[in-house]
Amino acid sequence: MNINRYIEVTFQREGIHRYPAALEDPRLTGVSFLGHPHRHIFHFRVRVSVTHNDRDIEFILFKRELEDLYHGTLEVDYKSCEMLAEDLINYVVKKYPYRDVEVGVSEDGENGAVLIYKD
């Protein structure tokens, strides 16, 4: 059978960021407040392909590893959810090559982005 297997982990981190274009782009007038530093709880969801049912990546250890990449309140400046997701994909692909990786990052569990890397 052709079955794609993935593990999935989730975690959260408090963070501060801003969207500088919101202060200048007339199309973003209704959300100009986003141009100033503001707080979110960033929700991370990471999926990575595994090769068998005994999980060649143990998800509890994988979750701890990813959580250890972030300490305290994240000061991400201008980084968007997409940028945070891409940073995490780059880490996972380097550490666990030849795997498909999907990363979702949302602000406060509401709105966010999903990036998919296919090997």
PDB file of N, CA and C in Angstrom:
ATOM      1  N   MET A   1       0.841  -1.190   0.000  1.00  0.00           N
ATOM      2  CA  MET A   1       0.000   0.000   0.000  1.00  0.00           C
ATOM      3  C   MET A   1       0.877   1.242   0.000  1.00  0.00           C
ATOM      4  N   ASN A   2       0.415   2.218  -0.711  1.00  0.00           N
ATOM      5  CA  ASN A   2       1.131   3.488  -0.765  1.00  0.00           C
ATOM      6  C   ASN A   2       0.543   4.431   0.294  1.00  0.00           C
ATOM      7  N   ILE A   3       1.164   4.446   1.464  1.00  0.00           N
ATOM      8  CA  ILE A   3       0.677   5.267   2.573  1.00  0.00           C
ATOM      9  C   ILE A   3       1.747   6.288   2.926  1.00  0.00           C
ATOM     10  N   ASN A   4       1.349   7.543   3.008  1.00  0.00           N
ATOM     11  CA  ASN A   4       2.256   8.595   3.477  1.00  0.00           C
ATOM     12  C   ASN A   4       2.092   8.715   4.986  1.00  0.00           C
ATOM     13  N   ARG A   5       3.202   8.652   5.701  1.00  0.00           N
ATOM     14  CA  ARG A   5       3.174   8.724   7.164  1.00  0.00           C
ATOM     15  C   ARG A   5       3.841  10.016   7.619  1.00  0.00           C
ATOM     16  N   TYR A   6       3.236  10.631   8.617  1.00  0.00           N
ATOM     17  CA  TYR A   6       3.769  11.861   9.188  1.00  0.00           C
ATOM     18  C   TYR A   6       3.625  11.804  10.703  1.00  0.00           C
ATOM     19  N   ILE A   7       4.525  12.477  11.372  1.00  0.00           N
ATOM     20  CA  ILE A   7       4.271  12.807  12.770  1.00  0.00           C
ATOM     21  C   ILE A   7       3.899  14.279  12.791  1.00  0.00           C
ATOM     22  N   GLU A   8       3.206  14.680  13.829  1.00  0.00           N
ATOM     23  CA  GLU A   8       2.791  16.070  13.968  1.00  0.00           C
ATOM     24  C   GLU A   8       2.969  16.487  15.409  1.00  0.00           C
ATOM     25  N   VAL A   9       3.565  17.661  15.593  1.00  0.00           N
ATOM     26  CA  VAL A   9       3.704  18.235  16.932  1.00  0.00           C
ATOM     27  C   VAL A   9       3.182  19.667  16.899  1.00  0.00           C
ATOM     28  N   THR A  10       2.723  20.115  18.048  1.00  0.00           N
ATOM     29  CA  THR A  10       2.264  21.492  18.179  1.00  0.00           C
ATOM     30  C   THR A  10       2.864  22.091  19.436  1.00  0.00           C
ATOM     31  N   PHE A  11       3.094  23.391  19.395  1.00  0.00           N
ATOM     32  CA  PHE A  11       3.534  24.115  20.577  1.00  0.00           C
ATOM     33  C   PHE A  11       3.229  25.592  20.374  1.00  0.00           C
ATOM     34  N   GLN A  12       3.356  26.360  21.447  1.00  0.00           N
ATOM     35  CA  GLN A  12       3.022  27.781  21.420  1.00  0.00           C
ATOM     36  C   GLN A  12       4.142  28.590  22.049  1.00  0.00           C
ATOM     37  N   ARG A  13       4.278  29.819  21.578  1.00  0.00           N
ATOM     38  CA  ARG A  13       5.220  30.757  22.183  1.00  0.00           C
ATOM     39  C   ARG A  13       4.631  32.164  22.102  1.00  0.00           C
ATOM     40  N   GLU A  14       4.807  32.901  23.184  1.00  0.00           N
ATOM     41  CA  GLU A  14       4.450  34.319  23.179  1.00  0.00           C
ATOM     42  C   GLU A  14       5.483  35.061  22.336  1.00  0.00           C
ATOM     43  N   GLY A  15       5.023  36.031  21.573  1.00  0.00           N
ATOM     44  CA  GLY A  15       5.955  36.791  20.753  1.00  0.00           C
ATOM     45  C   GLY A  15       5.461  38.193  20.452  1.00  0.00           C
ATOM     46  N   ILE A  16       6.414  39.027  20.108  1.00  0.00           N
ATOM     47  CA  ILE A  16       6.143  40.416  19.728  1.00  0.00           C
ATOM     48  C   ILE A  16       6.650  40.603  18.299  1.00  0.00           C
ATOM     49  N   HIS A  17       5.787  41.145  17.443  1.00  0.00           N
ATOM     50  CA  HIS A  17       6.239  41.488  16.097  1.00  0.00           C
ATOM     51  C   HIS A  17       5.476  42.705  15.606  1.00  0.00           C
ATOM     52  N   ARG A  18       5.793  43.097  14.374  1.00  0.00           N
ATOM     53  CA  ARG A  18       5.133  44.246  13.754  1.00  0.00           C
ATOM     54  C   ARG A  18       5.119  44.036  12.249  1.00  0.00           C
ATOM     55  N   TYR A  19       4.249  44.741  11.565  1.00  0.00           N
ATOM     56  CA  TYR A  19       4.108  44.657  10.115  1.00  0.00           C
ATOM     57  C   TYR A  19       4.286  46.078   9.576  1.00  0.00           C
ATOM     58  N   PRO A  20       5.542  46.478   9.321  1.00  0.00           N
ATOM     59  CA  PRO A  20       5.832  47.866   8.961  1.00  0.00           C
ATOM     60  C   PRO A  20       5.008  48.407   7.799  1.00  0.00           C
ATOM     61  N   ALA A  21       4.704  47.592   6.807  1.00  0.00           N
ATOM     62  CA  ALA A  21       3.944  48.060   5.645  1.00  0.00           C
ATOM     63  C   ALA A  21       2.560  48.561   6.026  1.00  0.00           C
ATOM     64  N   ALA A  22       2.025  48.075   7.141  1.00  0.00           N
ATOM     65  CA  ALA A  22       0.680  48.488   7.565  1.00  0.00           C
ATOM     66  C   ALA A  22       0.607  49.981   7.870  1.00  0.00           C
ATOM     67  N   LEU A  23       1.748  50.587   8.167  1.00  0.00           N
ATOM     68  CA  LEU A  23       1.776  52.027   8.449  1.00  0.00           C
ATOM     69  C   LEU A  23       1.828  52.867   7.181  1.00  0.00           C
ATOM     70  N   GLU A  24       2.204  52.264   6.069  1.00  0.00           N
ATOM     71  CA  GLU A  24       2.449  53.033   4.842  1.00  0.00           C
ATOM     72  C   GLU A  24       1.525  52.690   3.680  1.00  0.00           C
ATOM     73  N   ASP A  25       1.065  51.470   3.600  1.00  0.00           N
ATOM     74  CA  ASP A  25       0.286  51.004   2.452  1.00  0.00           C
ATOM     75  C   ASP A  25      -1.176  51.404   2.633  1.00  0.00           C
ATOM     76  N   PRO A  26      -1.709  52.238   1.733  1.00  0.00           N
ATOM     77  CA  PRO A  26      -3.105  52.676   1.873  1.00  0.00           C
ATOM     78  C   PRO A  26      -4.111  51.521   1.849  1.00  0.00           C
ATOM     79  N   ARG A  27      -3.751  50.405   1.237  1.00  0.00           N
ATOM     80  CA  ARG A  27      -4.651  49.249   1.211  1.00  0.00           C
ATOM     81  C   ARG A  27      -4.785  48.612   2.586  1.00  0.00           C
ATOM     82  N   LEU A  28      -3.877  48.952   3.512  1.00  0.00           N
ATOM     83  CA  LEU A  28      -3.887  48.360   4.849  1.00  0.00           C
ATOM     84  C   LEU A  28      -4.354  49.347   5.928  1.00  0.00           C
ATOM     85  N   THR A  29      -5.028  50.408   5.515  1.00  0.00           N
ATOM     86  CA  THR A  29      -5.469  51.447   6.450  1.00  0.00           C
ATOM     87  C   THR A  29      -6.269  50.870   7.620  1.00  0.00           C
ATOM     88  N   GLY A  30      -7.115  49.913   7.364  1.00  0.00           N
ATOM     89  CA  GLY A  30      -7.947  49.331   8.420  1.00  0.00           C
ATOM     90  C   GLY A  30      -7.179  48.532   9.451  1.00  0.00           C
ATOM     91  N   VAL A  31      -5.915  48.220   9.148  1.00  0.00           N
ATOM     92  CA  VAL A  31      -5.097  47.448  10.093  1.00  0.00           C
ATOM     93  C   VAL A  31      -3.756  48.145  10.341  1.00  0.00           C
ATOM     94  N   SER A  32      -3.755  49.461  10.271  1.00  0.00           N
ATOM     95  CA  SER A  32      -2.503  50.214  10.451  1.00  0.00           C
ATOM     96  C   SER A  32      -1.865  49.957  11.816  1.00  0.00           C
ATOM     97  N   PHE A  33      -2.677  49.586  12.812  1.00  0.00           N
ATOM     98  CA  PHE A  33      -2.145  49.279  14.150  1.00  0.00           C
ATOM     99  C   PHE A  33      -1.124  48.138  14.114  1.00  0.00           C
ATOM    100  N   LEU A  34      -1.190  47.287  13.092  1.00  0.00           N
ATOM    101  CA  LEU A  34      -0.248  46.174  12.984  1.00  0.00           C
ATOM    102  C   LEU A  34       1.180  46.644  12.709  1.00  0.00           C
ATOM    103  N   GLY A  35       1.329  47.894  12.300  1.00  0.00           N
ATOM    104  CA  GLY A  35       2.652  48.441  12.045  1.00  0.00           C
ATOM    105  C   GLY A  35       3.457  48.687  13.309  1.00  0.00           C
ATOM    106  N   HIS A  36       2.790  48.700  14.428  1.00  0.00           N
ATOM    107  CA  HIS A  36       3.450  48.907  15.718  1.00  0.00           C
ATOM    108  C   HIS A  36       3.689  47.548  16.388  1.00  0.00           C
ATOM    109  N   PRO A  37       4.694  47.457  17.240  1.00  0.00           N
ATOM    110  CA  PRO A  37       4.924  46.181  17.932  1.00  0.00           C
ATOM    111  C   PRO A  37       3.671  45.757  18.713  1.00  0.00           C
ATOM    112  N   HIS A  38       3.310  44.515  18.537  1.00  0.00           N
ATOM    113  CA  HIS A  38       2.143  43.974  19.230  1.00  0.00           C
ATOM    114  C   HIS A  38       2.389  42.505  19.562  1.00  0.00           C
ATOM    115  N   ARG A  39       1.635  42.033  20.527  1.00  0.00           N
ATOM    116  CA  ARG A  39       1.833  40.693  21.104  1.00  0.00           C
ATOM    117  C   ARG A  39       0.865  39.684  20.502  1.00  0.00           C
ATOM    118  N   HIS A  40       1.379  38.471  20.344  1.00  0.00           N
ATOM    119  CA  HIS A  40       0.558  37.322  19.956  1.00  0.00           C
ATOM    120  C   HIS A  40       1.032  36.103  20.726  1.00  0.00           C
ATOM    121  N   ILE A  41       0.185  35.115  20.784  1.00  0.00           N
ATOM    122  CA  ILE A  41       0.621  33.763  21.103  1.00  0.00           C
ATOM    123  C   ILE A  41       0.730  33.063  19.750  1.00  0.00           C
ATOM    124  N   PHE A  42       1.967  32.788  19.348  1.00  0.00           N
ATOM    125  CA  PHE A  42       2.193  32.109  18.081  1.00  0.00           C
ATOM    126  C   PHE A  42       2.005  30.612  18.288  1.00  0.00           C
ATOM    127  N   HIS A  43       1.148  30.023  17.477  1.00  0.00           N
ATOM    128  CA  HIS A  43       0.875  28.591  17.519  1.00  0.00           C
ATOM    129  C   HIS A  43       1.636  27.944  16.357  1.00  0.00           C
ATOM    130  N   PHE A  44       2.436  26.953  16.676  1.00  0.00           N
ATOM    131  CA  PHE A  44       3.224  26.239  15.682  1.00  0.00           C
ATOM    132  C   PHE A  44       2.674  24.825  15.528  1.00  0.00           C
ATOM    133  N   ARG A  45       2.548  24.374  14.292  1.00  0.00           N
ATOM    134  CA  ARG A  45       2.176  22.990  13.988  1.00  0.00           C
ATOM    135  C   ARG A  45       3.181  22.493  12.969  1.00  0.00           C
ATOM    136  N   VAL A  46       3.873  21.414  13.292  1.00  0.00           N
ATOM    137  CA  VAL A  46       4.928  20.900  12.420  1.00  0.00           C
ATOM    138  C   VAL A  46       4.638  19.442  12.109  1.00  0.00           C
ATOM    139  N   ARG A  47       4.617  19.131  10.824  1.00  0.00           N
ATOM    140  CA  ARG A  47       4.482  17.753  10.350  1.00  0.00           C
ATOM    141  C   ARG A  47       5.748  17.392   9.594  1.00  0.00           C
ATOM    142  N   VAL A  48       6.229  16.179   9.821  1.00  0.00           N
ATOM    143  CA  VAL A  48       7.402  15.692   9.084  1.00  0.00           C
ATOM    144  C   VAL A  48       7.151  14.234   8.730  1.00  0.00           C
ATOM    145  N   SER A  49       7.540  13.866   7.513  1.00  0.00           N
ATOM    146  CA  SER A  49       7.303  12.497   7.068  1.00  0.00           C
ATOM    147  C   SER A  49       8.212  11.516   7.808  1.00  0.00           C
ATOM    148  N   VAL A  50       7.667  10.346   8.063  1.00  0.00           N
ATOM    149  CA  VAL A  50       8.415   9.250   8.679  1.00  0.00           C
ATOM    150  C   VAL A  50       8.255   8.033   7.770  1.00  0.00           C
ATOM    151  N   THR A  51       9.121   7.043   7.960  1.00  0.00           N
ATOM    152  CA  THR A  51       9.180   5.946   6.997  1.00  0.00           C
ATOM    153  C   THR A  51       8.498   4.663   7.443  1.00  0.00           C
ATOM    154  N   HIS A  52       8.088   4.585   8.711  1.00  0.00           N
ATOM    155  CA  HIS A  52       7.438   3.356   9.175  1.00  0.00           C
ATOM    156  C   HIS A  52       6.575   3.652  10.393  1.00  0.00           C
ATOM    157  N   ASN A  53       5.828   2.658  10.824  1.00  0.00           N
ATOM    158  CA  ASN A  53       4.854   2.847  11.903  1.00  0.00           C
ATOM    159  C   ASN A  53       5.459   2.903  13.296  1.00  0.00           C
ATOM    160  N   ASP A  54       6.734   2.647  13.426  1.00  0.00           N
ATOM    161  CA  ASP A  54       7.388   2.778  14.729  1.00  0.00           C
ATOM    162  C   ASP A  54       8.047   4.145  14.883  1.00  0.00           C
ATOM    163  N   ARG A  55       7.699   5.061  14.009  1.00  0.00           N
ATOM    164  CA  ARG A  55       8.176   6.452  14.067  1.00  0.00           C
ATOM    165  C   ARG A  55       9.690   6.544  14.151  1.00  0.00           C
ATOM    166  N   ASP A  56      10.325   6.763  13.032  1.00  0.00           N
ATOM    167  CA  ASP A  56      11.769   6.955  13.044  1.00  0.00           C
ATOM    168  C   ASP A  56      12.157   8.313  13.632  1.00  0.00           C
ATOM    169  N   ILE A  57      11.192   9.155  13.894  1.00  0.00           N
ATOM    170  CA  ILE A  57      11.399  10.372  14.699  1.00  0.00           C
ATOM    171  C   ILE A  57      10.355  10.297  15.812  1.00  0.00           C
ATOM    172  N   GLU A  58      10.799  10.214  17.031  1.00  0.00           N
ATOM    173  CA  GLU A  58       9.863  10.135  18.167  1.00  0.00           C
ATOM    174  C   GLU A  58       9.256  11.513  18.397  1.00  0.00           C
ATOM    175  N   PHE A  59       7.938  11.610  18.352  1.00  0.00           N
ATOM    176  CA  PHE A  59       7.339  12.943  18.370  1.00  0.00           C
ATOM    177  C   PHE A  59       7.497  13.701  19.668  1.00  0.00           C
ATOM    178  N   ILE A  60       7.561  13.060  20.796  1.00  0.00           N
ATOM    179  CA  ILE A  60       7.767  13.804  22.053  1.00  0.00           C
ATOM    180  C   ILE A  60       9.157  14.443  22.059  1.00  0.00           C
ATOM    181  N   LEU A  61      10.154  13.681  21.644  1.00  0.00           N
ATOM    182  CA  LEU A  61      11.511  14.234  21.575  1.00  0.00           C
ATOM    183  C   LEU A  61      11.615  15.327  20.518  1.00  0.00           C
ATOM    184  N   PHE A  62      10.937  15.133  19.400  1.00  0.00           N
ATOM    185  CA  PHE A  62      10.941  16.130  18.322  1.00  0.00           C
ATOM    186  C   PHE A  62      10.300  17.435  18.799  1.00  0.00           C
ATOM    187  N   LYS A  63       9.188  17.318  19.500  1.00  0.00           N
ATOM    188  CA  LYS A  63       8.522  18.516  20.035  1.00  0.00           C
ATOM    189  C   LYS A  63       9.450  19.262  20.982  1.00  0.00           C
ATOM    190  N   ARG A  64      10.086  18.541  21.895  1.00  0.00           N
ATOM    191  CA  ARG A  64      11.016  19.182  22.835  1.00  0.00           C
ATOM    192  C   ARG A  64      12.163  19.872  22.093  1.00  0.00           C
ATOM    193  N   GLU A  65      12.659  19.214  21.069  1.00  0.00           N
ATOM    194  CA  GLU A  65      13.745  19.790  20.275  1.00  0.00           C
ATOM    195  C   GLU A  65      13.322  21.118  19.645  1.00  0.00           C
ATOM    196  N   LEU A  66      12.132  21.141  19.073  1.00  0.00           N
ATOM    197  CA  LEU A  66      11.656  22.378  18.440  1.00  0.00           C
ATOM    198  C   LEU A  66      11.367  23.458  19.473  1.00  0.00           C
ATOM    199  N   GLU A  67      10.763  23.088  20.585  1.00  0.00           N
ATOM    200  CA  GLU A  67      10.498  24.068  21.647  1.00  0.00           C
ATOM    201  C   GLU A  67      11.797  24.691  22.147  1.00  0.00           C
ATOM    202  N   ASP A  68      12.864  23.894  22.204  1.00  0.00           N
ATOM    203  CA  ASP A  68      14.154  24.391  22.688  1.00  0.00           C
ATOM    204  C   ASP A  68      14.792  25.415  21.748  1.00  0.00           C
ATOM    205  N   LEU A  69      14.264  25.549  20.545  1.00  0.00           N
ATOM    206  CA  LEU A  69      14.778  26.562  19.609  1.00  0.00           C
ATOM    207  C   LEU A  69      14.344  27.970  20.021  1.00  0.00           C
ATOM    208  N   TYR A  70      13.327  28.057  20.865  1.00  0.00           N
ATOM    209  CA  TYR A  70      12.725  29.339  21.238  1.00  0.00           C
ATOM    210  C   TYR A  70      12.772  29.499  22.752  1.00  0.00           C
ATOM    211  N   HIS A  71      13.223  30.649  23.188  1.00  0.00           N
ATOM    212  CA  HIS A  71      13.332  30.907  24.628  1.00  0.00           C
ATOM    213  C   HIS A  71      12.670  32.236  24.972  1.00  0.00           C
ATOM    214  N   GLY A  72      11.911  32.237  26.038  1.00  0.00           N
ATOM    215  CA  GLY A  72      11.280  33.468  26.501  1.00  0.00           C
ATOM    216  C   GLY A  72      10.297  34.015  25.476  1.00  0.00           C
ATOM    217  N   THR A  73      10.034  35.291  25.578  1.00  0.00           N
ATOM    218  CA  THR A  73       9.155  35.964  24.632  1.00  0.00           C
ATOM    219  C   THR A  73       9.916  36.172  23.331  1.00  0.00           C
ATOM    220  N   LEU A  74       9.343  35.714  22.230  1.00  0.00           N
ATOM    221  CA  LEU A  74       9.994  35.866  20.930  1.00  0.00           C
ATOM    222  C   LEU A  74       9.934  37.315  20.499  1.00  0.00           C
ATOM    223  N   GLU A  75      11.068  37.854  20.167  1.00  0.00           N
ATOM    224  CA  GLU A  75      11.144  39.201  19.601  1.00  0.00           C
ATOM    225  C   GLU A  75      11.449  39.008  18.122  1.00  0.00           C
ATOM    226  N   VAL A  76      10.410  38.892  17.305  1.00  0.00           N
ATOM    227  CA  VAL A  76      10.612  38.535  15.900  1.00  0.00           C
ATOM    228  C   VAL A  76      10.568  39.733  14.961  1.00  0.00           C
ATOM    229  N   ASP A  77      10.470  40.938  15.513  1.00  0.00           N
ATOM    230  CA  ASP A  77      10.510  42.181  14.753  1.00  0.00           C
ATOM    231  C   ASP A  77       9.474  42.162  13.634  1.00  0.00           C
ATOM    232  N   TYR A  78       9.902  42.144  12.389  1.00  0.00           N
ATOM    233  CA  TYR A  78       9.018  42.265  11.240  1.00  0.00           C
ATOM    234  C   TYR A  78       8.575  40.912  10.671  1.00  0.00           C
ATOM    235  N   LYS A  79       9.019  39.794  11.278  1.00  0.00           N
ATOM    236  CA  LYS A  79       8.750  38.485  10.685  1.00  0.00           C
ATOM    237  C   LYS A  79       7.263  38.128  10.749  1.00  0.00           C
ATOM    238  N   SER A  80       6.793  37.652   9.620  1.00  0.00           N
ATOM    239  CA  SER A  80       5.408  37.204   9.494  1.00  0.00           C
ATOM    240  C   SER A  80       5.307  35.732   9.875  1.00  0.00           C
ATOM    241  N   CYS A  81       4.090  35.226   9.905  1.00  0.00           N
ATOM    242  CA  CYS A  81       3.887  33.794  10.144  1.00  0.00           C
ATOM    243  C   CYS A  81       4.601  32.979   9.073  1.00  0.00           C
ATOM    244  N   GLU A  82       4.541  33.455   7.830  1.00  0.00           N
ATOM    245  CA  GLU A  82       5.213  32.759   6.737  1.00  0.00           C
ATOM    246  C   GLU A  82       6.716  32.692   6.967  1.00  0.00           C
ATOM    247  N   MET A  83       7.296  33.790   7.420  1.00  0.00           N
ATOM    248  CA  MET A  83       8.745  33.823   7.659  1.00  0.00           C
ATOM    249  C   MET A  83       9.140  32.910   8.814  1.00  0.00           C
ATOM    250  N   LEU A  84       8.338  32.893   9.863  1.00  0.00           N
ATOM    251  CA  LEU A  84       8.609  32.000  10.988  1.00  0.00           C
ATOM    252  C   LEU A  84       8.505  30.535  10.554  1.00  0.00           C
ATOM    253  N   ALA A  85       7.506  30.236   9.729  1.00  0.00           N
ATOM    254  CA  ALA A  85       7.340  28.868   9.235  1.00  0.00           C
ATOM    255  C   ALA A  85       8.516  28.465   8.355  1.00  0.00           C
ATOM    256  N   GLU A  86       8.975  29.363   7.506  1.00  0.00           N
ATOM    257  CA  GLU A  86      10.100  29.043   6.627  1.00  0.00           C
ATOM    258  C   GLU A  86      11.379  28.807   7.430  1.00  0.00           C
ATOM    259  N   ASP A  87      11.597  29.604   8.456  1.00  0.00           N
ATOM    260  CA  ASP A  87      12.759  29.383   9.327  1.00  0.00           C
ATOM    261  C   ASP A  87      12.719  27.979   9.929  1.00  0.00           C
ATOM    262  N   LEU A  88      11.549  27.573  10.374  1.00  0.00           N
ATOM    263  CA  LEU A  88      11.416  26.260  10.998  1.00  0.00           C
ATOM    264  C   LEU A  88      11.576  25.137   9.971  1.00  0.00           C
ATOM    265  N   ILE A  89      11.041  25.321   8.783  1.00  0.00           N
ATOM    266  CA  ILE A  89      11.244  24.329   7.722  1.00  0.00           C
ATOM    267  C   ILE A  89      12.730  24.173   7.429  1.00  0.00           C
ATOM    268  N   ASN A  90      13.451  25.283   7.324  1.00  0.00           N
ATOM    269  CA  ASN A  90      14.886  25.217   7.048  1.00  0.00           C
ATOM    270  C   ASN A  90      15.622  24.422   8.122  1.00  0.00           C
ATOM    271  N   TYR A  91      15.246  24.610   9.365  1.00  0.00           N
ATOM    272  CA  TYR A  91      15.871  23.851  10.455  1.00  0.00           C
ATOM    273  C   TYR A  91      15.585  22.352  10.306  1.00  0.00           C
ATOM    274  N   VAL A  92      14.319  22.013  10.115  1.00  0.00           N
ATOM    275  CA  VAL A  92      13.922  20.605  10.064  1.00  0.00           C
ATOM    276  C   VAL A  92      14.555  19.905   8.857  1.00  0.00           C
ATOM    277  N   VAL A  93      14.554  20.551   7.714  1.00  0.00           N
ATOM    278  CA  VAL A  93      15.116  19.945   6.503  1.00  0.00           C
ATOM    279  C   VAL A  93      16.614  19.701   6.656  1.00  0.00           C
ATOM    280  N   LYS A  94      17.286  20.619   7.325  1.00  0.00           N
ATOM    281  CA  LYS A  94      18.730  20.441   7.542  1.00  0.00           C
ATOM    282  C   LYS A  94      19.000  19.291   8.519  1.00  0.00           C
ATOM    283  N   LYS A  95      18.210  19.218   9.589  1.00  0.00           N
ATOM    284  CA  LYS A  95      18.418  18.210  10.617  1.00  0.00           C
ATOM    285  C   LYS A  95      17.894  16.829  10.204  1.00  0.00           C
ATOM    286  N   TYR A  96      16.789  16.816   9.440  1.00  0.00           N
ATOM    287  CA  TYR A  96      16.143  15.567   9.022  1.00  0.00           C
ATOM    288  C   TYR A  96      15.945  15.600   7.498  1.00  0.00           C
ATOM    289  N   PRO A  97      17.025  15.382   6.750  1.00  0.00           N
ATOM    290  CA  PRO A  97      16.933  15.510   5.282  1.00  0.00           C
ATOM    291  C   PRO A  97      16.066  14.418   4.644  1.00  0.00           C
ATOM    292  N   TYR A  98      15.697  14.680   3.403  1.00  0.00           N
ATOM    293  CA  TYR A  98      14.951  13.729   2.568  1.00  0.00           C
ATOM    294  C   TYR A  98      13.568  13.423   3.123  1.00  0.00           C
ATOM    295  N   ARG A  99      12.936  14.437   3.664  1.00  0.00           N
ATOM    296  CA  ARG A  99      11.585  14.269   4.205  1.00  0.00           C
ATOM    297  C   ARG A  99      10.709  15.437   3.762  1.00  0.00           C
ATOM    298  N   ASP A 100       9.434  15.156   3.672  1.00  0.00           N
ATOM    299  CA  ASP A 100       8.466  16.228   3.463  1.00  0.00           C
ATOM    300  C   ASP A 100       8.206  16.899   4.804  1.00  0.00           C
ATOM    301  N   VAL A 101       8.055  18.209   4.772  1.00  0.00           N
ATOM    302  CA  VAL A 101       7.831  18.972   6.005  1.00  0.00           C
ATOM    303  C   VAL A 101       6.716  19.980   5.751  1.00  0.00           C
ATOM    304  N   GLU A 102       5.815  20.075   6.695  1.00  0.00           N
ATOM    305  CA  GLU A 102       4.746  21.067   6.642  1.00  0.00           C
ATOM    306  C   GLU A 102       4.756  21.826   7.956  1.00  0.00           C
ATOM    307  N   VAL A 103       4.747  23.144   7.865  1.00  0.00           N
ATOM    308  CA  VAL A 103       4.745  23.975   9.071  1.00  0.00           C
ATOM    309  C   VAL A 103       3.624  25.002   8.961  1.00  0.00           C
ATOM    310  N   GLY A 104       2.801  25.051   9.999  1.00  0.00           N
ATOM    311  CA  GLY A 104       1.780  26.081  10.113  1.00  0.00           C
ATOM    312  C   GLY A 104       2.095  26.955  11.312  1.00  0.00           C
ATOM    313  N   VAL A 105       1.972  28.250  11.120  1.00  0.00           N
ATOM    314  CA  VAL A 105       2.155  29.200  12.216  1.00  0.00           C
ATOM    315  C   VAL A 105       0.947  30.130  12.201  1.00  0.00           C
ATOM    316  N   SER A 106       0.294  30.247  13.346  1.00  0.00           N
ATOM    317  CA  SER A 106      -0.847  31.154  13.430  1.00  0.00           C
ATOM    318  C   SER A 106      -0.666  32.117  14.587  1.00  0.00           C
ATOM    319  N   GLU A 107      -1.379  33.213  14.483  1.00  0.00           N
ATOM    320  CA  GLU A 107      -1.404  34.221  15.541  1.00  0.00           C
ATOM    321  C   GLU A 107      -2.631  33.954  16.397  1.00  0.00           C
ATOM    322  N   ASP A 108      -2.395  33.620  17.648  1.00  0.00           N
ATOM    323  CA  ASP A 108      -3.465  33.417  18.614  1.00  0.00           C
ATOM    324  C   ASP A 108      -4.413  32.280  18.220  1.00  0.00           C
ATOM    325  N   GLY A 109      -3.920  31.346  17.405  1.00  0.00           N
ATOM    326  CA  GLY A 109      -4.736  30.215  16.993  1.00  0.00           C
ATOM    327  C   GLY A 109      -5.839  30.582  16.028  1.00  0.00           C
ATOM    328  N   GLU A 110      -5.774  31.781  15.441  1.00  0.00           N
ATOM    329  CA  GLU A 110      -6.850  32.239  14.554  1.00  0.00           C
ATOM    330  C   GLU A 110      -6.411  32.279  13.096  1.00  0.00           C
ATOM    331  N   ASN A 111      -5.515  33.173  12.780  1.00  0.00           N
ATOM    332  CA  ASN A 111      -5.116  33.416  11.402  1.00  0.00           C
ATOM    333  C   ASN A 111      -3.634  33.100  11.257  1.00  0.00           C
ATOM    334  N   GLY A 112      -3.279  32.493  10.150  1.00  0.00           N
ATOM    335  CA  GLY A 112      -1.878  32.140   9.996  1.00  0.00           C
ATOM    336  C   GLY A 112      -1.558  31.681   8.589  1.00  0.00           C
ATOM    337  N   ALA A 113      -0.462  30.948   8.490  1.00  0.00           N
ATOM    338  CA  ALA A 113       0.039  30.492   7.208  1.00  0.00           C
ATOM    339  C   ALA A 113       0.527  29.056   7.337  1.00  0.00           C
ATOM    340  N   VAL A 114       0.503  28.349   6.209  1.00  0.00           N
ATOM    341  CA  VAL A 114       1.026  26.985   6.129  1.00  0.00           C
ATOM    342  C   VAL A 114       1.998  26.939   4.965  1.00  0.00           C
ATOM    343  N   LEU A 115       3.200  26.431   5.226  1.00  0.00           N
ATOM    344  CA  LEU A 115       4.197  26.234   4.178  1.00  0.00           C
ATOM    345  C   LEU A 115       4.505  24.745   4.099  1.00  0.00           C
ATOM    346  N   ILE A 116       4.660  24.255   2.873  1.00  0.00           N
ATOM    347  CA  ILE A 116       4.888  22.833   2.642  1.00  0.00           C
ATOM    348  C   ILE A 116       6.155  22.668   1.821  1.00  0.00           C
ATOM    349  N   TYR A 117       7.068  21.849   2.340  1.00  0.00           N
ATOM    350  CA  TYR A 117       8.297  21.509   1.635  1.00  0.00           C
ATOM    351  C   TYR A 117       8.195  20.046   1.217  1.00  0.00           C
ATOM    352  N   LYS A 118       8.314  19.796  -0.079  1.00  0.00           N
ATOM    353  CA  LYS A 118       8.265  18.429  -0.607  1.00  0.00           C
ATOM    354  C   LYS A 118       9.661  18.050  -1.056  1.00  0.00           C
ATOM    355  N   ASP A 119      10.162  16.927  -0.519  1.00  0.00           N
ATOM    356  CA  ASP A 119      11.476  16.454  -0.926  1.00  0.00           C
ATOM    357  C   ASP A 119      11.339  15.564  -2.138  1.00  0.00           C
TER     358      ASP A 119
END
